[in-house]
Amino acid sequence: HKEGEAYLEYRSDLDDAPVFRASNRVAVKARKKALWMWKIEALCVYNAAGAVVCSEDNHYRIKHVVTNKYLIQNENRLEMTDDYLAAGTQFNFRQFAKDAKDEYIHSLGLVYIRTLRGYS
């Protein structure tokens, strides 16, 4: 979360769970190796190149770029998995601000990440 100067980081050599870490600004050269880089993948092939939107109808997977593992929620714990079809790897987004007028996620916008089971 950029505003809190912390990022969701995953290190497979330390734990199976991603963690939030405080972070200083990262130099451009070091960004390619950063462990906090994630890719949002649309579940629907037709939405693959589209904008990420806040909607209960649009579902996404969140992939860790460095390890190619997927974020998964097992009950109240975030973990990682190689199985992108596993239950708990599908998420949707909801605007944090109640008065948000746009369904699209802007670069400085705040959103909830929710599993399809309703956990946030």
Foldseek 3Di string as FASTA:
>chain_A
DVVVQWAFFDDPVPDQATDIDRHDDDDPVCVVVGRRDKDKAWPDPVCRPPFAFADLVTKTFIAGVPPRWTWFDDPPGIGTHNDCPDQRRIWGKHFPDPPDPGGGADPPGDIDIAHNVGRD
